[in-house]
Amino acid sequence: MEPVIDRKHRGGEERSHSTLDAYDRLAPVWSQATDEGPFNGFLERPALRALVPRPLAGATILDAGCGSGAQCEWLLGEGAEVVGIDLSPAMVEQTERRCSGNGRFLVADLGAEPLPIAPESLDGVTCSLALHYLEDWQIPLRSFATALVPGGWIVISLDHPFGPPFPGQQGGYFDTVLVSDVWSKEGVEVTQRFWRRPLSAVFDAFAVAGFVVERVSEPQPSVEALARFPADLSPVVGVPWFIVYRLRLMS
């Protein structure tokens, strides 16, 4: 008898490997090309940080999908004890180098299994543009809920569900669909695949995991950002591009 193959799981593994390969290739140029770039550095990240509850001194914060460590570095500068995780070993190496031995950093797949973090050991979680690589959010959101202290928080950024469609995007607004985009950064070109889903699906996933939505931000470029990157950010004015949520774990 032939073995039963979970094709959905296999497809998820293949996409995870594709994402891993892309970020390993991007790791050497990520900080230069993205952390100080128009979209991550000057549109999404200021909005995410504005929703992070203060003060952070003495708090233990997980940065889930830490990339090359810009958010971890900022959290450390705010006085937090930082744990960073990323799917890409090359990105984790960049984070360790950037944070100069401060913090604790792990290679982990958010969508594969519960995180290796002790229950009720975190005060908060930041998750910048990472969850949309996963079709199913059940494992990561439950991992966050288990690891947070009662009343703990998460700040999550995602592509805006009302944003412009990606090239070749199929299905309507109410479908959860896999999309792709070609990125070229400092001469490194990769194709990234991620999921778009309607707002109702996002809120349902948060509620099922035990979170309530406390704040929502839909960032627009600042005057300073527009002056620095007019060609990139002028088309974003008046357009929903990213969305940031602050969630609170229900008692």
C-alpha atoms as a PDB file:
ATOM      1  CA  MET A   1       0.000   0.000   0.000  1.00  0.00           C
ATOM      2  CA  GLU A   2       1.348   3.415  -0.910  1.00  0.00           C
ATOM      3  CA  PRO A   3       1.834   5.810   2.009  1.00  0.00           C
ATOM      4  CA  VAL A   4      -0.771   8.501   2.517  1.00  0.00           C
ATOM      5  CA  ILE A   5       0.746  11.892   1.668  1.00  0.00           C
ATOM      6  CA  ASP A   6      -0.561  15.024   3.308  1.00  0.00           C
ATOM      7  CA  ARG A   7      -0.286  17.214   0.230  1.00  0.00           C
ATOM      8  CA  LYS A   8      -1.259  20.381   2.086  1.00  0.00           C
ATOM      9  CA  HIS A   9       1.512  19.744   4.633  1.00  0.00           C
ATOM     10  CA  ARG A  10       3.990  18.888   1.889  1.00  0.00           C
ATOM     11  CA  GLY A  11       3.085  22.092   0.059  1.00  0.00           C
ATOM     12  CA  GLY A  12       3.645  24.039   3.266  1.00  0.00           C
ATOM     13  CA  GLU A  13       7.068  22.435   3.704  1.00  0.00           C
ATOM     14  CA  GLU A  14       8.026  23.292   0.123  1.00  0.00           C
ATOM     15  CA  ARG A  15       7.009  26.933   0.613  1.00  0.00           C
ATOM     16  CA  SER A  16       8.885  27.038   3.925  1.00  0.00           C
ATOM     17  CA  HIS A  17      12.045  25.810   2.191  1.00  0.00           C
ATOM     18  CA  SER A  18      11.527  28.380  -0.566  1.00  0.00           C
ATOM     19  CA  THR A  19      11.187  31.177   2.002  1.00  0.00           C
ATOM     20  CA  LEU A  20      14.242  29.903   3.882  1.00  0.00           C
ATOM     21  CA  ASP A  21      16.341  29.822   0.708  1.00  0.00           C
ATOM     22  CA  ALA A  22      15.265  33.343  -0.251  1.00  0.00           C
ATOM     23  CA  TYR A  23      16.119  34.826   3.143  1.00  0.00           C
ATOM     24  CA  ASP A  24      19.438  32.982   3.390  1.00  0.00           C
ATOM     25  CA  ARG A  25      20.361  34.545   0.040  1.00  0.00           C
ATOM     26  CA  LEU A  26      19.135  37.996   1.118  1.00  0.00           C
ATOM     27  CA  ALA A  27      20.814  37.952   4.549  1.00  0.00           C
ATOM     28  CA  PRO A  28      24.116  39.603   3.525  1.00  0.00           C
ATOM     29  CA  VAL A  29      22.311  42.581   1.955  1.00  0.00           C
ATOM     30  CA  TRP A  30      19.140  42.765   4.056  1.00  0.00           C
ATOM     31  CA  SER A  31      20.250  45.379   6.575  1.00  0.00           C
ATOM     32  CA  GLN A  32      21.512  47.761   3.917  1.00  0.00           C
ATOM     33  CA  ALA A  33      18.699  47.242   1.418  1.00  0.00           C
ATOM     34  CA  THR A  34      15.672  46.873   3.671  1.00  0.00           C
ATOM     35  CA  ASP A  35      16.197  48.106   7.240  1.00  0.00           C
ATOM     36  CA  GLU A  36      16.917  51.603   5.945  1.00  0.00           C
ATOM     37  CA  GLY A  37      14.685  51.266   2.895  1.00  0.00           C
ATOM     38  CA  PRO A  38      11.445  53.122   2.193  1.00  0.00           C
ATOM     39  CA  PHE A  39       8.884  50.420   2.949  1.00  0.00           C
ATOM     40  CA  ASN A  40      10.258  48.488   5.927  1.00  0.00           C
ATOM     41  CA  GLY A  41      12.442  51.172   7.430  1.00  0.00           C
ATOM     42  CA  PHE A  42      10.301  54.269   6.911  1.00  0.00           C
ATOM     43  CA  LEU A  43       6.702  53.052   6.524  1.00  0.00           C
ATOM     44  CA  GLU A  44       6.055  49.780   8.371  1.00  0.00           C
ATOM     45  CA  ARG A  45       8.590  49.831  11.200  1.00  0.00           C
ATOM     46  CA  PRO A  46       7.754  53.262  12.680  1.00  0.00           C
ATOM     47  CA  ALA A  47       4.083  52.230  12.836  1.00  0.00           C
ATOM     48  CA  LEU A  48       4.902  48.917  14.506  1.00  0.00           C
ATOM     49  CA  ARG A  49       7.117  50.574  17.118  1.00  0.00           C
ATOM     50  CA  ALA A  50       4.505  53.222  17.846  1.00  0.00           C
ATOM     51  CA  LEU A  51       2.111  50.482  19.017  1.00  0.00           C
ATOM     52  CA  VAL A  52       4.641  48.729  21.286  1.00  0.00           C
ATOM     53  CA  PRO A  53       3.632  49.411  24.929  1.00  0.00           C
ATOM     54  CA  ARG A  54       6.182  51.342  26.975  1.00  0.00           C
ATOM     55  CA  PRO A  55       8.216  51.207  29.135  1.00  0.00           C
ATOM     56  CA  LEU A  56      10.197  48.162  28.026  1.00  0.00           C
ATOM     57  CA  ALA A  57      12.982  48.253  30.617  1.00  0.00           C
ATOM     58  CA  GLY A  58      13.215  44.827  32.234  1.00  0.00           C
ATOM     59  CA  ALA A  59      10.506  43.299  30.015  1.00  0.00           C
ATOM     60  CA  THR A  60      11.200  40.084  28.093  1.00  0.00           C
ATOM     61  CA  ILE A  61      10.191  40.475  24.452  1.00  0.00           C
ATOM     62  CA  LEU A  62      10.201  37.966  21.597  1.00  0.00           C
ATOM     63  CA  ASP A  63      10.861  39.259  18.092  1.00  0.00           C
ATOM     64  CA  ALA A  64       9.303  36.588  15.874  1.00  0.00           C
ATOM     65  CA  GLY A  65      10.812  36.658  12.396  1.00  0.00           C
ATOM     66  CA  CYS A  66      13.722  38.821  13.480  1.00  0.00           C
ATOM     67  CA  GLY A  67      15.437  39.061  10.090  1.00  0.00           C
ATOM     68  CA  SER A  68      18.840  40.693  10.395  1.00  0.00           C
ATOM     69  CA  GLY A  69      18.067  42.139  13.823  1.00  0.00           C
ATOM     70  CA  ALA A  70      16.937  45.744  13.412  1.00  0.00           C
ATOM     71  CA  GLN A  71      13.943  45.265  15.711  1.00  0.00           C
ATOM     72  CA  CYS A  72      15.980  43.269  18.243  1.00  0.00           C
ATOM     73  CA  GLU A  73      18.577  46.041  18.326  1.00  0.00           C
ATOM     74  CA  TRP A  74      15.843  48.628  18.947  1.00  0.00           C
ATOM     75  CA  LEU A  75      14.227  46.550  21.708  1.00  0.00           C
ATOM     76  CA  LEU A  76      17.593  46.143  23.420  1.00  0.00           C
ATOM     77  CA  GLY A  77      18.095  49.890  23.204  1.00  0.00           C
ATOM     78  CA  GLU A  78      14.749  50.331  24.990  1.00  0.00           C
ATOM     79  CA  GLY A  79      16.027  48.191  27.869  1.00  0.00           C
ATOM     80  CA  ALA A  80      14.221  44.937  27.069  1.00  0.00           C
ATOM     81  CA  GLU A  81      15.527  41.402  27.449  1.00  0.00           C
ATOM     82  CA  VAL A  82      15.265  40.089  23.899  1.00  0.00           C
ATOM     83  CA  VAL A  83      14.662  36.687  22.332  1.00  0.00           C
ATOM     84  CA  GLY A  84      14.793  36.599  18.529  1.00  0.00           C
ATOM     85  CA  ILE A  85      13.771  33.779  16.204  1.00  0.00           C
ATOM     86  CA  ASP A  86      13.939  33.394  12.462  1.00  0.00           C
ATOM     87  CA  LEU A  87      13.570  30.621   9.903  1.00  0.00           C
ATOM     88  CA  SER A  88      16.876  31.585   8.265  1.00  0.00           C
ATOM     89  CA  PRO A  89      20.158  30.611   9.990  1.00  0.00           C
ATOM     90  CA  ALA A  90      21.947  33.261   7.928  1.00  0.00           C
ATOM     91  CA  MET A  91      19.567  35.947   9.235  1.00  0.00           C
ATOM     92  CA  VAL A  92      20.069  34.765  12.822  1.00  0.00           C
ATOM     93  CA  GLU A  93      23.836  35.073  12.327  1.00  0.00           C
ATOM     94  CA  GLN A  94      23.333  38.638  11.126  1.00  0.00           C
ATOM     95  CA  THR A  95      21.195  39.392  14.196  1.00  0.00           C
ATOM     96  CA  GLU A  96      23.772  37.956  16.600  1.00  0.00           C
ATOM     97  CA  ARG A  97      26.478  40.060  14.994  1.00  0.00           C
ATOM     98  CA  ARG A  98      24.343  43.178  15.050  1.00  0.00           C
ATOM     99  CA  CYS A  99      23.387  42.775  18.715  1.00  0.00           C
ATOM    100  CA  SER A 100      26.990  42.174  19.847  1.00  0.00           C
ATOM    101  CA  GLY A 101      26.293  39.239  22.137  1.00  0.00           C
ATOM    102  CA  ASN A 102      23.203  40.715  23.764  1.00  0.00           C
ATOM    103  CA  GLY A 103      19.939  38.777  23.580  1.00  0.00           C
ATOM    104  CA  ARG A 104      19.186  35.143  22.807  1.00  0.00           C
ATOM    105  CA  PHE A 105      18.607  34.078  19.209  1.00  0.00           C
ATOM    106  CA  LEU A 106      17.225  30.839  17.789  1.00  0.00           C
ATOM    107  CA  VAL A 107      16.523  29.291  14.402  1.00  0.00           C
ATOM    108  CA  ALA A 108      12.852  28.255  14.434  1.00  0.00           C
ATOM    109  CA  ASP A 109      10.007  27.716  11.979  1.00  0.00           C
ATOM    110  CA  LEU A 110       6.935  29.562  13.273  1.00  0.00           C
ATOM    111  CA  GLY A 111       4.552  27.351  11.356  1.00  0.00           C
ATOM    112  CA  ALA A 112       6.070  23.934  11.992  1.00  0.00           C
ATOM    113  CA  GLU A 113       5.826  23.318  15.733  1.00  0.00           C
ATOM    114  CA  PRO A 114       5.328  25.146  19.043  1.00  0.00           C
ATOM    115  CA  LEU A 115       8.169  27.503  19.898  1.00  0.00           C
ATOM    116  CA  PRO A 116      10.867  26.333  22.352  1.00  0.00           C
ATOM    117  CA  ILE A 117       9.994  29.057  24.854  1.00  0.00           C
ATOM    118  CA  ALA A 118       8.853  28.488  28.429  1.00  0.00           C
ATOM    119  CA  PRO A 119       5.197  29.171  29.279  1.00  0.00           C
ATOM    120  CA  GLU A 120       4.423  32.619  30.702  1.00  0.00           C
ATOM    121  CA  SER A 121       8.014  33.772  30.153  1.00  0.00           C
ATOM    122  CA  LEU A 122       7.313  36.674  27.767  1.00  0.00           C
ATOM    123  CA  ASP A 123       5.825  40.092  28.416  1.00  0.00           C
ATOM    124  CA  GLY A 124       5.341  40.860  24.750  1.00  0.00           C
ATOM    125  CA  VAL A 125       5.919  39.786  21.150  1.00  0.00           C
ATOM    126  CA  THR A 126       6.724  41.764  18.030  1.00  0.00           C
ATOM    127  CA  CYS A 127       6.167  40.114  14.659  1.00  0.00           C
ATOM    128  CA  SER A 128       7.046  42.229  11.645  1.00  0.00           C
ATOM    129  CA  LEU A 129       5.757  41.072   8.241  1.00  0.00           C
ATOM    130  CA  ALA A 130       6.244  37.384   9.030  1.00  0.00           C
ATOM    131  CA  LEU A 131       2.880  35.677   9.603  1.00  0.00           C
ATOM    132  CA  HIS A 132       1.771  36.139   6.002  1.00  0.00           C
ATOM    133  CA  TYR A 133       4.243  33.414   4.940  1.00  0.00           C
ATOM    134  CA  LEU A 134       1.976  30.912   6.728  1.00  0.00           C
ATOM    135  CA  GLU A 135      -1.400  29.689   5.540  1.00  0.00           C
ATOM    136  CA  ASP A 136      -2.340  28.377   8.995  1.00  0.00           C
ATOM    137  CA  TRP A 137      -1.731  30.677  11.985  1.00  0.00           C
ATOM    138  CA  GLN A 138      -2.916  28.233  14.647  1.00  0.00           C
ATOM    139  CA  ILE A 139       0.546  27.025  15.760  1.00  0.00           C
ATOM    140  CA  PRO A 140       2.294  30.415  15.990  1.00  0.00           C
ATOM    141  CA  LEU A 141      -0.595  32.256  17.659  1.00  0.00           C
ATOM    142  CA  ARG A 142      -1.097  29.489  20.218  1.00  0.00           C
ATOM    143  CA  SER A 143       2.661  29.433  20.852  1.00  0.00           C
ATOM    144  CA  PHE A 144       2.575  33.169  21.511  1.00  0.00           C
ATOM    145  CA  ALA A 145      -0.423  32.812  23.821  1.00  0.00           C
ATOM    146  CA  THR A 146       1.253  30.039  25.827  1.00  0.00           C
ATOM    147  CA  ALA A 147       4.543  31.914  26.162  1.00  0.00           C
ATOM    148  CA  LEU A 148       2.986  35.241  27.211  1.00  0.00           C
ATOM    149  CA  VAL A 149       2.208  36.220  30.776  1.00  0.00           C
ATOM    150  CA  PRO A 150      -1.492  36.879  31.478  1.00  0.00           C
ATOM    151  CA  GLY A 151      -2.410  40.176  29.850  1.00  0.00           C
ATOM    152  CA  GLY A 152       0.665  40.072  27.605  1.00  0.00           C
ATOM    153  CA  TRP A 153       0.658  41.749  24.212  1.00  0.00           C
ATOM    154  CA  ILE A 154       1.627  41.181  20.585  1.00  0.00           C
ATOM    155  CA  VAL A 155       2.270  43.798  17.906  1.00  0.00           C
ATOM    156  CA  ILE A 156       1.915  42.271  14.429  1.00  0.00           C
ATOM    157  CA  SER A 157       2.354  43.912  11.037  1.00  0.00           C
ATOM    158  CA  LEU A 158       1.014  42.476   7.787  1.00  0.00           C
ATOM    159  CA  ASP A 159       0.325  43.484   4.222  1.00  0.00           C
ATOM    160  CA  HIS A 160      -2.982  45.345   4.167  1.00  0.00           C
ATOM    161  CA  PRO A 161      -5.862  43.131   2.971  1.00  0.00           C
ATOM    162  CA  PHE A 162      -7.281  46.104   1.025  1.00  0.00           C
ATOM    163  CA  GLY A 163      -3.942  46.766  -0.691  1.00  0.00           C
ATOM    164  CA  PRO A 164      -3.346  46.562  -4.437  1.00  0.00           C
ATOM    165  CA  PRO A 165      -3.377  43.024  -5.879  1.00  0.00           C
ATOM    166  CA  PHE A 166      -0.084  41.342  -6.663  1.00  0.00           C
ATOM    167  CA  PRO A 167       0.811  40.389 -10.252  1.00  0.00           C
ATOM    168  CA  GLY A 168      -1.071  37.270 -11.244  1.00  0.00           C
ATOM    169  CA  GLN A 169      -3.177  37.227  -8.075  1.00  0.00           C
ATOM    170  CA  GLN A 170      -6.198  34.953  -8.416  1.00  0.00           C
ATOM    171  CA  GLY A 171      -9.443  34.890  -6.472  1.00  0.00           C
ATOM    172  CA  GLY A 172     -11.456  37.612  -4.814  1.00  0.00           C
ATOM    173  CA  TYR A 173     -11.100  39.594  -1.615  1.00  0.00           C
ATOM    174  CA  PHE A 174     -12.811  36.937   0.532  1.00  0.00           C
ATOM    175  CA  ASP A 175     -10.469  34.149  -0.601  1.00  0.00           C
ATOM    176  CA  THR A 176      -7.302  33.187   1.232  1.00  0.00           C
ATOM    177  CA  VAL A 177      -4.851  32.976  -1.651  1.00  0.00           C
ATOM    178  CA  LEU A 178      -1.168  32.375  -2.220  1.00  0.00           C
ATOM    179  CA  VAL A 179       0.517  35.264  -4.044  1.00  0.00           C
ATOM    180  CA  SER A 180       4.058  35.922  -5.181  1.00  0.00           C
ATOM    181  CA  ASP A 181       6.296  38.913  -5.662  1.00  0.00           C
ATOM    182  CA  VAL A 182       9.765  39.323  -7.149  1.00  0.00           C
ATOM    183  CA  TRP A 183      12.238  41.243  -4.978  1.00  0.00           C
ATOM    184  CA  SER A 184      15.544  42.640  -6.161  1.00  0.00           C
ATOM    185  CA  LYS A 185      17.824  43.934  -3.410  1.00  0.00           C
ATOM    186  CA  GLU A 186      21.414  44.954  -4.013  1.00  0.00           C
ATOM    187  CA  GLY A 187      21.656  42.617  -6.995  1.00  0.00           C
ATOM    188  CA  VAL A 188      20.029  39.626  -5.238  1.00  0.00           C
ATOM    189  CA  GLU A 189      16.736  38.626  -6.867  1.00  0.00           C
ATOM    190  CA  VAL A 190      14.281  36.229  -5.215  1.00  0.00           C
ATOM    191  CA  THR A 191      10.645  35.275  -5.614  1.00  0.00           C
ATOM    192  CA  GLN A 192       8.715  35.354  -2.347  1.00  0.00           C
ATOM    193  CA  ARG A 193       5.344  33.645  -1.809  1.00  0.00           C
ATOM    194  CA  PHE A 194       2.904  34.575   0.911  1.00  0.00           C
ATOM    195  CA  TRP A 195      -0.771  34.472   1.783  1.00  0.00           C
ATOM    196  CA  ARG A 196      -3.423  37.156   1.515  1.00  0.00           C
ATOM    197  CA  ARG A 197      -6.623  36.754   3.508  1.00  0.00           C
ATOM    198  CA  PRO A 198      -9.672  38.904   4.276  1.00  0.00           C
ATOM    199  CA  LEU A 199      -9.902  41.017   7.406  1.00  0.00           C
ATOM    200  CA  SER A 200     -12.524  38.716   8.925  1.00  0.00           C
ATOM    201  CA  ALA A 201     -10.159  35.729   8.698  1.00  0.00           C
ATOM    202  CA  VAL A 202      -7.425  37.728  10.448  1.00  0.00           C
ATOM    203  CA  PHE A 203      -9.701  38.760  13.329  1.00  0.00           C
ATOM    204  CA  ASP A 204     -11.117  35.231  13.646  1.00  0.00           C
ATOM    205  CA  ALA A 205      -7.607  33.753  13.952  1.00  0.00           C
ATOM    206  CA  PHE A 206      -6.706  36.250  16.671  1.00  0.00           C
ATOM    207  CA  ALA A 207      -9.907  35.516  18.616  1.00  0.00           C
ATOM    208  CA  VAL A 208      -9.556  31.727  18.394  1.00  0.00           C
ATOM    209  CA  ALA A 209      -6.044  32.007  19.874  1.00  0.00           C
ATOM    210  CA  GLY A 210      -7.352  34.039  22.813  1.00  0.00           C
ATOM    211  CA  PHE A 211      -6.442  37.584  21.794  1.00  0.00           C
ATOM    212  CA  VAL A 212      -8.444  40.776  21.566  1.00  0.00           C
ATOM    213  CA  VAL A 213      -7.495  43.560  19.167  1.00  0.00           C
ATOM    214  CA  GLU A 214      -6.543  46.634  21.195  1.00  0.00           C
ATOM    215  CA  ARG A 215      -5.239  49.009  18.514  1.00  0.00           C
ATOM    216  CA  VAL A 216      -4.978  49.110  14.726  1.00  0.00           C
ATOM    217  CA  SER A 217      -2.685  51.336  12.644  1.00  0.00           C
ATOM    218  CA  GLU A 218      -2.708  51.850   8.876  1.00  0.00           C
ATOM    219  CA  PRO A 219       0.559  53.695   8.249  1.00  0.00           C
ATOM    220  CA  GLN A 220       1.080  56.426   5.700  1.00  0.00           C
ATOM    221  CA  PRO A 221       4.437  57.941   4.725  1.00  0.00           C
ATOM    222  CA  SER A 222       5.679  60.774   6.929  1.00  0.00           C
ATOM    223  CA  VAL A 223       6.777  64.083   5.454  1.00  0.00           C
ATOM    224  CA  GLU A 224      10.379  63.111   6.180  1.00  0.00           C
ATOM    225  CA  ALA A 225       9.984  59.707   4.518  1.00  0.00           C
ATOM    226  CA  LEU A 226       8.413  61.273   1.409  1.00  0.00           C
ATOM    227  CA  ALA A 227      11.245  63.780   1.169  1.00  0.00           C
ATOM    228  CA  ARG A 228      13.815  60.971   1.365  1.00  0.00           C
ATOM    229  CA  PHE A 229      12.082  58.473  -0.954  1.00  0.00           C
ATOM    230  CA  PRO A 230       9.706  60.455  -3.179  1.00  0.00           C
ATOM    231  CA  ALA A 231       9.693  57.997  -6.078  1.00  0.00           C
ATOM    232  CA  ASP A 232       9.001  54.968  -3.863  1.00  0.00           C
ATOM    233  CA  LEU A 233       6.560  56.403  -1.358  1.00  0.00           C
ATOM    234  CA  SER A 234       4.546  59.002  -3.279  1.00  0.00           C
ATOM    235  CA  PRO A 235       2.437  56.241  -4.919  1.00  0.00           C
ATOM    236  CA  VAL A 236       1.615  54.922  -1.424  1.00  0.00           C
ATOM    237  CA  VAL A 237      -0.064  58.132  -0.239  1.00  0.00           C
ATOM    238  CA  GLY A 238      -3.761  57.380   0.213  1.00  0.00           C
ATOM    239  CA  VAL A 239      -3.228  53.669  -0.494  1.00  0.00           C
ATOM    240  CA  PRO A 240      -3.587  50.941   2.187  1.00  0.00           C
ATOM    241  CA  TRP A 241      -0.206  49.212   2.148  1.00  0.00           C
ATOM    242  CA  PHE A 242       0.550  47.776   5.612  1.00  0.00           C
ATOM    243  CA  ILE A 243      -1.617  47.215   8.674  1.00  0.00           C
ATOM    244  CA  VAL A 244      -0.398  46.895  12.275  1.00  0.00           C
ATOM    245  CA  TYR A 245      -2.341  45.285  15.124  1.00  0.00           C
ATOM    246  CA  ARG A 246      -1.757  45.399  18.854  1.00  0.00           C
ATOM    247  CA  LEU A 247      -3.308  42.374  20.523  1.00  0.00           C
ATOM    248  CA  ARG A 248      -3.797  41.652  24.202  1.00  0.00           C
ATOM    249  CA  LEU A 249      -4.044  38.168  25.664  1.00  0.00           C
ATOM    250  CA  MET A 250      -7.406  37.722  27.314  1.00  0.00           C
ATOM    251  CA  SER A 251      -7.228  36.854  31.022  1.00  0.00           C
END
